[in-house]
Amino acid sequence: MTTHTKIVPVPLWRVRLSLLLKSIRSGWAMFAENPVGLVGLGVIIFFGLFALAHPILMSTVWDPRVYDPVMGYDMEIAFHPAEPSARHLLGTDPLGRDILSQLMYSTRYEFVLGILSAVVTVVIATTIGAVSAYYGGLVDTLLMRFVDLVIMVPFLPILIVMSSLTRVGMFELALVIGVLSGFGGTAIVVKSQALTVKVKPFIEAARIAGGGDFHIIFKHMLPNLLPIALLYMMFVVTGAIFSEAVLSFFGLTTIEMSWGLMINITQTQGYLMRFDTWHLLVPASLAITLLCAAFYLVGRALDEVVNPRLRRR
């Protein structure tokens, strides 16, 4: 008597999920071998917890009338800015507001600004790079010449001019930074990677099977371009945080509180170059430096994961 074993087909989504998890585990193993990347990741996690702790402290420990980062004022202290103490671990600014509360409150905006800018950049750069590489010819020429034009235009002066002409909040700034970065050098890097994906056998197989241009670009090319795009997300976050700090320092944004604005208040109140009020300048400056460096270090470590030529042998 012959028995027939029934073969149950595995759903496609399970296969893709399994391959994705395997790729993530392999990538994490290579990333974990890089101590520089782990240091950067540790700093990012610290700032993430730093931001999450602020609303908890405001609702359980701190009096909002004293520790509110924008409207707070400590009436028990006669003169502001006050030096660091048990009541104010980092002191108060010239307007009587707690510096530690400002620092923690501003961290969430830095994360949102950087991540939103990076997402906009990835969407634009991967789309432009994939379309340009796939079609080539006139489409490639037009898109790449526009990218060259954006690269030639100075980045920071555009933001300064735009901020002086209109009100720029966090979302507007993130959108502009994302668009400029997406049409900048990131698109060229993604396009070079897309050219190598375009000649892969599975692209030709999809075309022979009757896949249209839209299907091939968005179902086969873009998923293979995401690793390199996610790598450059880290560098965009660094640029976004730095750009916001510069614009806020010059008072050109409508963001209610940020690290750059903390330095701006120190400068406008005449405490920028005074060593006896170091607590007004150092915390925000150090936070900007550390967070930008952390995303850069993570980006460099991810570069070894994404780029086979940089992997250790």
C-alpha atoms as a PDB file:
ATOM      1  CA  MET A   1       0.000   0.000   0.000  1.00  0.00           C
ATOM      2  CA  THR A   2       1.479   3.283  -1.092  1.00  0.00           C
ATOM      3  CA  THR A   3       1.111   6.329   1.130  1.00  0.00           C
ATOM      4  CA  HIS A   4       1.262   9.784  -0.318  1.00  0.00           C
ATOM      5  CA  THR A   5       2.663  12.617   1.763  1.00  0.00           C
ATOM      6  CA  LYS A   6       0.771  15.819   1.260  1.00  0.00           C
ATOM      7  CA  ILE A   7       3.081  18.802   0.843  1.00  0.00           C
ATOM      8  CA  VAL A   8       1.697  21.947   2.399  1.00  0.00           C
ATOM      9  CA  PRO A   9       2.986  25.057   0.667  1.00  0.00           C
ATOM     10  CA  VAL A  10       4.654  27.595   2.930  1.00  0.00           C
ATOM     11  CA  PRO A  11       3.096  31.066   2.728  1.00  0.00           C
ATOM     12  CA  LEU A  12       5.270  33.575   0.940  1.00  0.00           C
ATOM     13  CA  TRP A  13       5.141  36.021   3.828  1.00  0.00           C
ATOM     14  CA  ARG A  14       6.659  33.427   6.146  1.00  0.00           C
ATOM     15  CA  VAL A  15       9.516  32.815   3.747  1.00  0.00           C
ATOM     16  CA  ARG A  16      10.193  36.540   3.478  1.00  0.00           C
ATOM     17  CA  LEU A  17       9.957  36.998   7.246  1.00  0.00           C
ATOM     18  CA  SER A  18      12.370  34.121   7.817  1.00  0.00           C
ATOM     19  CA  LEU A  19      14.875  35.558   5.347  1.00  0.00           C
ATOM     20  CA  LEU A  20      14.518  39.010   6.922  1.00  0.00           C
ATOM     21  CA  LEU A  21      15.136  37.685  10.430  1.00  0.00           C
ATOM     22  CA  LYS A  22      18.120  35.695   9.218  1.00  0.00           C
ATOM     23  CA  SER A  23      19.549  38.798   7.545  1.00  0.00           C
ATOM     24  CA  ILE A  24      19.000  40.871  10.696  1.00  0.00           C
ATOM     25  CA  ARG A  25      20.750  38.285  12.876  1.00  0.00           C
ATOM     26  CA  SER A  26      23.672  38.092  10.477  1.00  0.00           C
ATOM     27  CA  GLY A  27      23.922  41.871  10.272  1.00  0.00           C
ATOM     28  CA  TRP A  28      23.755  42.272  14.049  1.00  0.00           C
ATOM     29  CA  ALA A  29      26.532  39.709  14.491  1.00  0.00           C
ATOM     30  CA  MET A  30      28.809  41.743  12.208  1.00  0.00           C
ATOM     31  CA  PHE A  31      27.719  45.025  13.800  1.00  0.00           C
ATOM     32  CA  ALA A  32      28.425  43.715  17.319  1.00  0.00           C
ATOM     33  CA  GLU A  33      32.032  42.997  16.337  1.00  0.00           C
ATOM     34  CA  ASN A  34      32.631  46.724  15.904  1.00  0.00           C
ATOM     35  CA  PRO A  35      33.171  48.413  19.309  1.00  0.00           C
ATOM     36  CA  VAL A  36      32.822  51.864  17.782  1.00  0.00           C
ATOM     37  CA  GLY A  37      29.317  51.076  16.601  1.00  0.00           C
ATOM     38  CA  LEU A  38      28.351  49.650  19.982  1.00  0.00           C
ATOM     39  CA  VAL A  39      29.549  52.821  21.715  1.00  0.00           C
ATOM     40  CA  GLY A  40      27.476  54.945  19.338  1.00  0.00           C
ATOM     41  CA  LEU A  41      24.431  52.727  19.840  1.00  0.00           C
ATOM     42  CA  GLY A  42      24.862  52.955  23.606  1.00  0.00           C
ATOM     43  CA  VAL A  43      24.911  56.753  23.464  1.00  0.00           C
ATOM     44  CA  ILE A  44      21.764  56.794  21.296  1.00  0.00           C
ATOM     45  CA  ILE A  45      19.960  54.485  23.739  1.00  0.00           C
ATOM     46  CA  PHE A  46      21.028  56.713  26.632  1.00  0.00           C
ATOM     47  CA  PHE A  47      19.578  59.811  24.971  1.00  0.00           C
ATOM     48  CA  GLY A  48      16.424  57.880  24.123  1.00  0.00           C
ATOM     49  CA  LEU A  49      15.918  56.966  27.775  1.00  0.00           C
ATOM     50  CA  PHE A  50      16.885  60.534  28.692  1.00  0.00           C
ATOM     51  CA  ALA A  51      14.015  61.856  26.579  1.00  0.00           C
ATOM     52  CA  LEU A  52      11.501  59.298  27.874  1.00  0.00           C
ATOM     53  CA  ALA A  53      12.340  60.137  31.490  1.00  0.00           C
ATOM     54  CA  HIS A  54      11.293  63.796  31.189  1.00  0.00           C
ATOM     55  CA  PRO A  55       7.479  63.388  31.079  1.00  0.00           C
ATOM     56  CA  ILE A  56       7.731  60.843  33.907  1.00  0.00           C
ATOM     57  CA  LEU A  57       9.662  63.274  36.097  1.00  0.00           C
ATOM     58  CA  MET A  58       7.286  66.114  35.246  1.00  0.00           C
ATOM     59  CA  SER A  59       4.255  64.075  36.293  1.00  0.00           C
ATOM     60  CA  THR A  60       5.701  62.453  39.417  1.00  0.00           C
ATOM     61  CA  VAL A  61       8.640  64.405  40.868  1.00  0.00           C
ATOM     62  CA  TRP A  62       9.059  67.877  39.424  1.00  0.00           C
ATOM     63  CA  ASP A  63       6.716  70.794  39.997  1.00  0.00           C
ATOM     64  CA  PRO A  64       5.693  72.059  36.521  1.00  0.00           C
ATOM     65  CA  ARG A  65       5.634  75.653  37.789  1.00  0.00           C
ATOM     66  CA  VAL A  66       9.353  75.373  38.518  1.00  0.00           C
ATOM     67  CA  TYR A  67      10.636  72.757  36.095  1.00  0.00           C
ATOM     68  CA  ASP A  68       8.598  73.427  32.973  1.00  0.00           C
ATOM     69  CA  PRO A  69      11.282  73.842  30.265  1.00  0.00           C
ATOM     70  CA  VAL A  70       9.532  76.782  28.598  1.00  0.00           C
ATOM     71  CA  MET A  71       7.385  78.549  31.213  1.00  0.00           C
ATOM     72  CA  GLY A  72       8.949  77.387  34.479  1.00  0.00           C
ATOM     73  CA  TYR A  73      10.509  79.784  37.002  1.00  0.00           C
ATOM     74  CA  ASP A  74      11.999  79.131  40.444  1.00  0.00           C
ATOM     75  CA  MET A  75      10.927  81.991  42.695  1.00  0.00           C
ATOM     76  CA  GLU A  76      12.842  80.594  45.676  1.00  0.00           C
ATOM     77  CA  ILE A  77      16.147  81.567  44.075  1.00  0.00           C
ATOM     78  CA  ALA A  78      16.878  85.270  44.221  1.00  0.00           C
ATOM     79  CA  PHE A  79      19.258  85.527  41.298  1.00  0.00           C
ATOM     80  CA  HIS A  80      19.329  83.734  37.963  1.00  0.00           C
ATOM     81  CA  PRO A  81      21.218  82.091  36.367  1.00  0.00           C
ATOM     82  CA  ALA A  82      21.836  79.898  39.379  1.00  0.00           C
ATOM     83  CA  GLU A  83      24.735  77.490  39.689  1.00  0.00           C
ATOM     84  CA  PRO A  84      24.182  73.705  39.838  1.00  0.00           C
ATOM     85  CA  SER A  85      22.747  72.525  43.152  1.00  0.00           C
ATOM     86  CA  ALA A  86      20.711  69.692  44.641  1.00  0.00           C
ATOM     87  CA  ARG A  87      17.539  71.526  43.609  1.00  0.00           C
ATOM     88  CA  HIS A  88      18.764  72.178  40.050  1.00  0.00           C
ATOM     89  CA  LEU A  89      21.422  69.642  39.074  1.00  0.00           C
ATOM     90  CA  LEU A  90      22.576  71.705  36.082  1.00  0.00           C
ATOM     91  CA  GLY A  91      21.530  75.094  37.425  1.00  0.00           C
ATOM     92  CA  THR A  92      19.067  77.529  35.888  1.00  0.00           C
ATOM     93  CA  ASP A  93      19.264  79.729  32.804  1.00  0.00           C
ATOM     94  CA  PRO A  94      19.060  83.557  32.864  1.00  0.00           C
ATOM     95  CA  LEU A  95      15.246  83.301  32.680  1.00  0.00           C
ATOM     96  CA  GLY A  96      15.024  81.090  35.762  1.00  0.00           C
ATOM     97  CA  ARG A  97      14.272  77.802  33.993  1.00  0.00           C
ATOM     98  CA  ASP A  98      15.844  74.473  34.934  1.00  0.00           C
ATOM     99  CA  ILE A  99      18.591  73.534  32.463  1.00  0.00           C
ATOM    100  CA  LEU A 100      18.322  69.777  33.019  1.00  0.00           C
ATOM    101  CA  SER A 101      14.607  69.905  32.251  1.00  0.00           C
ATOM    102  CA  GLN A 102      15.312  71.905  29.087  1.00  0.00           C
ATOM    103  CA  LEU A 103      18.004  69.431  28.045  1.00  0.00           C
ATOM    104  CA  MET A 104      15.739  66.403  28.525  1.00  0.00           C
ATOM    105  CA  TYR A 105      12.748  68.076  26.903  1.00  0.00           C
ATOM    106  CA  SER A 106      14.758  69.113  23.843  1.00  0.00           C
ATOM    107  CA  THR A 107      16.079  65.587  23.275  1.00  0.00           C
ATOM    108  CA  ARG A 108      12.730  64.322  21.989  1.00  0.00           C
ATOM    109  CA  TYR A 109      12.641  67.073  19.353  1.00  0.00           C
ATOM    110  CA  GLU A 110      16.156  66.268  18.213  1.00  0.00           C
ATOM    111  CA  PHE A 111      15.193  62.626  17.718  1.00  0.00           C
ATOM    112  CA  VAL A 112      11.966  63.439  15.896  1.00  0.00           C
ATOM    113  CA  LEU A 113      13.696  66.000  13.689  1.00  0.00           C
ATOM    114  CA  GLY A 114      16.545  63.671  12.780  1.00  0.00           C
ATOM    115  CA  ILE A 115      14.416  60.581  12.147  1.00  0.00           C
ATOM    116  CA  LEU A 116      11.771  62.457  10.147  1.00  0.00           C
ATOM    117  CA  SER A 117      14.457  64.074   7.986  1.00  0.00           C
ATOM    118  CA  ALA A 118      16.093  60.693   7.448  1.00  0.00           C
ATOM    119  CA  VAL A 119      12.815  59.011   6.447  1.00  0.00           C
ATOM    120  CA  VAL A 120      12.052  61.736   3.887  1.00  0.00           C
ATOM    121  CA  THR A 121      15.601  61.427   2.562  1.00  0.00           C
ATOM    122  CA  VAL A 122      15.392  57.645   2.186  1.00  0.00           C
ATOM    123  CA  VAL A 123      12.032  57.775   0.396  1.00  0.00           C
ATOM    124  CA  ILE A 124      13.231  60.375  -2.107  1.00  0.00           C
ATOM    125  CA  ALA A 125      16.763  59.056  -2.622  1.00  0.00           C
ATOM    126  CA  THR A 126      15.773  55.419  -3.138  1.00  0.00           C
ATOM    127  CA  THR A 127      12.984  56.353  -5.539  1.00  0.00           C
ATOM    128  CA  ILE A 128      15.178  58.730  -7.549  1.00  0.00           C
ATOM    129  CA  GLY A 129      18.103  56.305  -7.588  1.00  0.00           C
ATOM    130  CA  ALA A 130      16.022  53.296  -8.616  1.00  0.00           C
ATOM    131  CA  VAL A 131      14.081  55.111 -11.343  1.00  0.00           C
ATOM    132  CA  SER A 132      17.222  56.726 -12.727  1.00  0.00           C
ATOM    133  CA  ALA A 133      19.152  53.445 -12.838  1.00  0.00           C
ATOM    134  CA  TYR A 134      16.258  51.419 -14.257  1.00  0.00           C
ATOM    135  CA  TYR A 135      15.276  53.694 -17.133  1.00  0.00           C
ATOM    136  CA  GLY A 136      18.613  55.346 -17.906  1.00  0.00           C
ATOM    137  CA  GLY A 137      18.801  57.600 -20.953  1.00  0.00           C
ATOM    138  CA  LEU A 138      16.923  60.899 -20.810  1.00  0.00           C
ATOM    139  CA  VAL A 139      15.268  60.099 -17.457  1.00  0.00           C
ATOM    140  CA  ASP A 140      18.651  59.406 -15.884  1.00  0.00           C
ATOM    141  CA  THR A 141      20.161  62.562 -17.375  1.00  0.00           C
ATOM    142  CA  LEU A 142      17.373  64.841 -16.162  1.00  0.00           C
ATOM    143  CA  LEU A 143      17.263  63.409 -12.648  1.00  0.00           C
ATOM    144  CA  MET A 144      21.017  63.370 -12.162  1.00  0.00           C
ATOM    145  CA  ARG A 145      21.465  66.918 -13.487  1.00  0.00           C
ATOM    146  CA  PHE A 146      18.842  68.083 -11.004  1.00  0.00           C
ATOM    147  CA  VAL A 147      20.701  66.237  -8.256  1.00  0.00           C
ATOM    148  CA  ASP A 148      23.946  67.912  -9.323  1.00  0.00           C
ATOM    149  CA  LEU A 149      22.195  71.281  -9.130  1.00  0.00           C
ATOM    150  CA  VAL A 150      21.007  70.604  -5.581  1.00  0.00           C
ATOM    151  CA  ILE A 151      24.502  69.491  -4.541  1.00  0.00           C
ATOM    152  CA  MET A 152      26.070  72.687  -5.913  1.00  0.00           C
ATOM    153  CA  VAL A 153      23.735  74.927  -3.929  1.00  0.00           C
ATOM    154  CA  PRO A 154      25.072  75.558  -0.392  1.00  0.00           C
ATOM    155  CA  PHE A 155      22.924  73.681   2.118  1.00  0.00           C
ATOM    156  CA  LEU A 156      23.071  75.814   5.246  1.00  0.00           C
ATOM    157  CA  PRO A 157      22.620  79.214   3.538  1.00  0.00           C
ATOM    158  CA  ILE A 158      19.410  77.898   1.928  1.00  0.00           C
ATOM    159  CA  LEU A 159      18.050  77.036   5.361  1.00  0.00           C
ATOM    160  CA  ILE A 160      19.080  80.435   6.757  1.00  0.00           C
ATOM    161  CA  VAL A 161      17.413  82.325   3.899  1.00  0.00           C
ATOM    162  CA  MET A 162      14.280  80.203   4.112  1.00  0.00           C
ATOM    163  CA  SER A 163      14.085  80.684   7.891  1.00  0.00           C
ATOM    164  CA  SER A 164      14.402  84.446   7.530  1.00  0.00           C
ATOM    165  CA  LEU A 165      11.538  84.570   5.002  1.00  0.00           C
ATOM    166  CA  THR A 166       8.988  82.303   6.680  1.00  0.00           C
ATOM    167  CA  ARG A 167       8.180  80.638   9.983  1.00  0.00           C
ATOM    168  CA  VAL A 168      10.095  77.381  10.293  1.00  0.00           C
ATOM    169  CA  GLY A 169       9.025  74.825  12.873  1.00  0.00           C
ATOM    170  CA  MET A 170      10.320  71.346  13.498  1.00  0.00           C
ATOM    171  CA  PHE A 171       8.255  69.592  10.827  1.00  0.00           C
ATOM    172  CA  GLU A 172       8.953  72.234   8.172  1.00  0.00           C
ATOM    173  CA  LEU A 173      12.670  72.072   8.920  1.00  0.00           C
ATOM    174  CA  ALA A 174      12.688  68.262   8.827  1.00  0.00           C
ATOM    175  CA  LEU A 175      10.866  68.264   5.495  1.00  0.00           C
ATOM    176  CA  VAL A 176      13.261  70.749   3.894  1.00  0.00           C
ATOM    177  CA  ILE A 177      16.348  68.943   5.184  1.00  0.00           C
ATOM    178  CA  GLY A 178      14.931  65.609   3.996  1.00  0.00           C
ATOM    179  CA  VAL A 179      14.138  66.930   0.521  1.00  0.00           C
ATOM    180  CA  LEU A 180      17.534  68.589   0.066  1.00  0.00           C
ATOM    181  CA  SER A 181      19.358  65.497   1.319  1.00  0.00           C
ATOM    182  CA  GLY A 182      17.190  63.163  -0.751  1.00  0.00           C
ATOM    183  CA  PHE A 183      17.971  65.027  -3.946  1.00  0.00           C
ATOM    184  CA  GLY A 184      21.622  65.355  -2.926  1.00  0.00           C
ATOM    185  CA  GLY A 185      24.539  62.995  -2.686  1.00  0.00           C
ATOM    186  CA  THR A 186      22.481  60.177  -1.186  1.00  0.00           C
ATOM    187  CA  ALA A 187      20.582  59.784  -4.465  1.00  0.00           C
ATOM    188  CA  ILE A 188      23.861  59.349  -6.367  1.00  0.00           C
ATOM    189  CA  VAL A 189      25.083  56.665  -3.975  1.00  0.00           C
ATOM    190  CA  VAL A 190      21.762  54.813  -4.149  1.00  0.00           C
ATOM    191  CA  LYS A 191      21.745  55.039  -7.946  1.00  0.00           C
ATOM    192  CA  SER A 192      25.209  53.451  -8.148  1.00  0.00           C
ATOM    193  CA  GLN A 193      23.934  50.575  -6.021  1.00  0.00           C
ATOM    194  CA  ALA A 194      20.772  50.353  -8.132  1.00  0.00           C
ATOM    195  CA  LEU A 195      22.878  49.892 -11.273  1.00  0.00           C
ATOM    196  CA  THR A 196      24.348  46.714  -9.771  1.00  0.00           C
ATOM    197  CA  VAL A 197      20.896  45.465  -8.762  1.00  0.00           C
ATOM    198  CA  LYS A 198      19.465  46.193 -12.220  1.00  0.00           C
ATOM    199  CA  VAL A 199      21.693  43.557 -13.897  1.00  0.00           C
ATOM    200  CA  LYS A 200      20.885  40.806 -11.389  1.00  0.00           C
ATOM    201  CA  PRO A 201      19.257  37.668 -12.843  1.00  0.00           C
ATOM    202  CA  PHE A 202      16.079  38.012 -10.752  1.00  0.00           C
ATOM    203  CA  ILE A 203      15.379  41.413 -12.338  1.00  0.00           C
ATOM    204  CA  GLU A 204      15.536  39.880 -15.808  1.00  0.00           C
ATOM    205  CA  ALA A 205      13.426  36.945 -14.615  1.00  0.00           C
ATOM    206  CA  ALA A 206      10.769  39.338 -13.302  1.00  0.00           C
ATOM    207  CA  ARG A 207      10.758  41.187 -16.602  1.00  0.00           C
ATOM    208  CA  ILE A 208      10.394  37.942 -18.608  1.00  0.00           C
ATOM    209  CA  ALA A 209       7.580  36.836 -16.291  1.00  0.00           C
ATOM    210  CA  GLY A 210       5.636  39.908 -17.345  1.00  0.00           C
ATOM    211  CA  GLY A 211       6.378  42.255 -14.460  1.00  0.00           C
ATOM    212  CA  GLY A 212       5.809  45.898 -15.283  1.00  0.00           C
ATOM    213  CA  ASP A 213       8.249  48.712 -14.606  1.00  0.00           C
ATOM    214  CA  PHE A 214       6.448  49.802 -11.443  1.00  0.00           C
ATOM    215  CA  HIS A 215       6.396  46.229 -10.118  1.00  0.00           C
ATOM    216  CA  ILE A 216      10.087  45.644 -10.821  1.00  0.00           C
ATOM    217  CA  ILE A 217      11.222  48.960  -9.325  1.00  0.00           C
ATOM    218  CA  PHE A 218       9.148  48.883  -6.157  1.00  0.00           C
ATOM    219  CA  LYS A 219       8.951  45.133  -5.537  1.00  0.00           C
ATOM    220  CA  HIS A 220      12.427  43.989  -6.547  1.00  0.00           C
ATOM    221  CA  MET A 221      14.837  46.914  -6.738  1.00  0.00           C
ATOM    222  CA  LEU A 222      13.826  49.056  -3.744  1.00  0.00           C
ATOM    223  CA  PRO A 223      14.027  46.238  -1.157  1.00  0.00           C
ATOM    224  CA  ASN A 224      17.603  45.583  -2.256  1.00  0.00           C
ATOM    225  CA  LEU A 225      18.453  49.280  -1.977  1.00  0.00           C
ATOM    226  CA  LEU A 226      17.106  49.747   1.549  1.00  0.00           C
ATOM    227  CA  PRO A 227      20.290  48.597   3.350  1.00  0.00           C
ATOM    228  CA  ILE A 228      22.450  51.284   1.732  1.00  0.00           C
ATOM    229  CA  ALA A 229      19.651  53.834   2.179  1.00  0.00           C
ATOM    230  CA  LEU A 230      19.272  53.002   5.879  1.00  0.00           C
ATOM    231  CA  LEU A 231      23.018  53.438   6.266  1.00  0.00           C
ATOM    232  CA  TYR A 232      22.843  57.001   4.974  1.00  0.00           C
ATOM    233  CA  MET A 233      19.907  57.686   7.274  1.00  0.00           C
ATOM    234  CA  MET A 234      22.425  57.864  10.122  1.00  0.00           C
ATOM    235  CA  PHE A 235      24.423  60.593   8.419  1.00  0.00           C
ATOM    236  CA  VAL A 236      21.249  62.551   7.606  1.00  0.00           C
ATOM    237  CA  VAL A 237      20.246  62.493  11.281  1.00  0.00           C
ATOM    238  CA  THR A 238      23.623  63.969  12.192  1.00  0.00           C
ATOM    239  CA  GLY A 239      23.250  66.734   9.614  1.00  0.00           C
ATOM    240  CA  ALA A 240      19.688  67.505  10.695  1.00  0.00           C
ATOM    241  CA  ILE A 241      20.609  67.893  14.371  1.00  0.00           C
ATOM    242  CA  PHE A 242      23.549  70.119  13.497  1.00  0.00           C
ATOM    243  CA  SER A 243      21.486  72.259  11.105  1.00  0.00           C
ATOM    244  CA  GLU A 244      18.735  72.768  13.678  1.00  0.00           C
ATOM    245  CA  ALA A 245      21.304  73.788  16.286  1.00  0.00           C
ATOM    246  CA  VAL A 246      22.771  76.407  13.953  1.00  0.00           C
ATOM    247  CA  LEU A 247      19.390  77.846  12.955  1.00  0.00           C
ATOM    248  CA  SER A 248      18.127  77.911  16.534  1.00  0.00           C
ATOM    249  CA  PHE A 249      21.356  79.566  17.672  1.00  0.00           C
ATOM    250  CA  PHE A 250      20.628  82.403  15.256  1.00  0.00           C
ATOM    251  CA  GLY A 251      16.989  82.505  16.411  1.00  0.00           C
ATOM    252  CA  LEU A 252      15.603  81.516  12.990  1.00  0.00           C
ATOM    253  CA  THR A 253      13.199  78.758  14.050  1.00  0.00           C
ATOM    254  CA  THR A 254       9.878  78.699  15.896  1.00  0.00           C
ATOM    255  CA  ILE A 255      10.780  75.580  17.911  1.00  0.00           C
ATOM    256  CA  GLU A 256       9.844  76.345  21.508  1.00  0.00           C
ATOM    257  CA  MET A 257      12.864  74.654  23.043  1.00  0.00           C
ATOM    258  CA  SER A 258      15.940  72.930  21.632  1.00  0.00           C
ATOM    259  CA  TRP A 259      19.633  72.562  22.340  1.00  0.00           C
ATOM    260  CA  GLY A 260      20.490  75.269  19.829  1.00  0.00           C
ATOM    261  CA  LEU A 261      17.967  77.604  21.423  1.00  0.00           C
ATOM    262  CA  MET A 262      19.544  77.011  24.832  1.00  0.00           C
ATOM    263  CA  ILE A 263      22.859  78.235  23.442  1.00  0.00           C
ATOM    264  CA  ASN A 264      21.068  81.154  21.766  1.00  0.00           C
ATOM    265  CA  ILE A 265      19.615  82.275  25.108  1.00  0.00           C
ATOM    266  CA  THR A 266      23.075  82.051  26.680  1.00  0.00           C
ATOM    267  CA  GLN A 267      24.479  84.248  23.924  1.00  0.00           C
ATOM    268  CA  THR A 268      21.696  86.843  23.841  1.00  0.00           C
ATOM    269  CA  GLN A 269      21.807  87.270  27.629  1.00  0.00           C
ATOM    270  CA  GLY A 270      25.551  87.907  27.550  1.00  0.00           C
ATOM    271  CA  TYR A 271      26.799  84.728  29.244  1.00  0.00           C
ATOM    272  CA  LEU A 272      28.387  82.961  26.261  1.00  0.00           C
ATOM    273  CA  MET A 273      32.073  83.651  27.015  1.00  0.00           C
ATOM    274  CA  ARG A 274      31.926  83.641  30.811  1.00  0.00           C
ATOM    275  CA  PHE A 275      33.674  80.752  32.542  1.00  0.00           C
ATOM    276  CA  ASP A 276      31.714  81.159  35.786  1.00  0.00           C
ATOM    277  CA  THR A 277      28.490  80.234  33.963  1.00  0.00           C
ATOM    278  CA  TRP A 278      29.810  77.171  32.133  1.00  0.00           C
ATOM    279  CA  HIS A 279      26.624  75.257  32.969  1.00  0.00           C
ATOM    280  CA  LEU A 280      24.696  77.434  30.515  1.00  0.00           C
ATOM    281  CA  LEU A 281      26.802  76.406  27.517  1.00  0.00           C
ATOM    282  CA  VAL A 282      28.412  73.036  28.169  1.00  0.00           C
ATOM    283  CA  PRO A 283      25.332  70.742  28.614  1.00  0.00           C
ATOM    284  CA  ALA A 284      23.634  71.688  25.331  1.00  0.00           C
ATOM    285  CA  SER A 285      26.918  71.817  23.397  1.00  0.00           C
ATOM    286  CA  LEU A 286      28.003  68.452  24.757  1.00  0.00           C
ATOM    287  CA  ALA A 287      24.607  66.914  23.966  1.00  0.00           C
ATOM    288  CA  ILE A 288      24.772  68.101  20.342  1.00  0.00           C
ATOM    289  CA  THR A 289      28.304  66.755  19.968  1.00  0.00           C
ATOM    290  CA  LEU A 290      27.596  63.388  21.574  1.00  0.00           C
ATOM    291  CA  LEU A 291      24.365  62.637  19.720  1.00  0.00           C
ATOM    292  CA  CYS A 292      25.766  63.685  16.333  1.00  0.00           C
ATOM    293  CA  ALA A 293      28.901  61.631  16.956  1.00  0.00           C
ATOM    294  CA  ALA A 294      26.816  58.634  18.076  1.00  0.00           C
ATOM    295  CA  PHE A 295      24.769  58.506  14.871  1.00  0.00           C
ATOM    296  CA  TYR A 296      27.946  58.977  12.835  1.00  0.00           C
ATOM    297  CA  LEU A 297      29.686  56.098  14.636  1.00  0.00           C
ATOM    298  CA  VAL A 298      26.679  53.831  14.134  1.00  0.00           C
ATOM    299  CA  GLY A 299      26.695  54.801  10.460  1.00  0.00           C
ATOM    300  CA  ARG A 300      30.366  53.908  10.116  1.00  0.00           C
ATOM    301  CA  ALA A 301      29.741  50.549  11.769  1.00  0.00           C
ATOM    302  CA  LEU A 302      26.758  49.868   9.516  1.00  0.00           C
ATOM    303  CA  ASP A 303      28.958  50.692   6.537  1.00  0.00           C
ATOM    304  CA  GLU A 304      30.990  47.571   7.300  1.00  0.00           C
ATOM    305  CA  VAL A 305      27.792  45.518   7.411  1.00  0.00           C
ATOM    306  CA  VAL A 306      26.358  46.882   4.160  1.00  0.00           C
ATOM    307  CA  ASN A 307      29.620  47.184   2.207  1.00  0.00           C
ATOM    308  CA  PRO A 308      31.268  43.737   1.755  1.00  0.00           C
ATOM    309  CA  ARG A 309      34.612  45.326   0.840  1.00  0.00           C
ATOM    310  CA  LEU A 310      34.917  46.833   4.342  1.00  0.00           C
ATOM    311  CA  ARG A 311      34.101  43.674   6.261  1.00  0.00           C
ATOM    312  CA  ARG A 312      36.846  42.076   8.285  1.00  0.00           C
ATOM    313  CA  ARG A 313      38.314  38.940   6.851  1.00  0.00           C
END
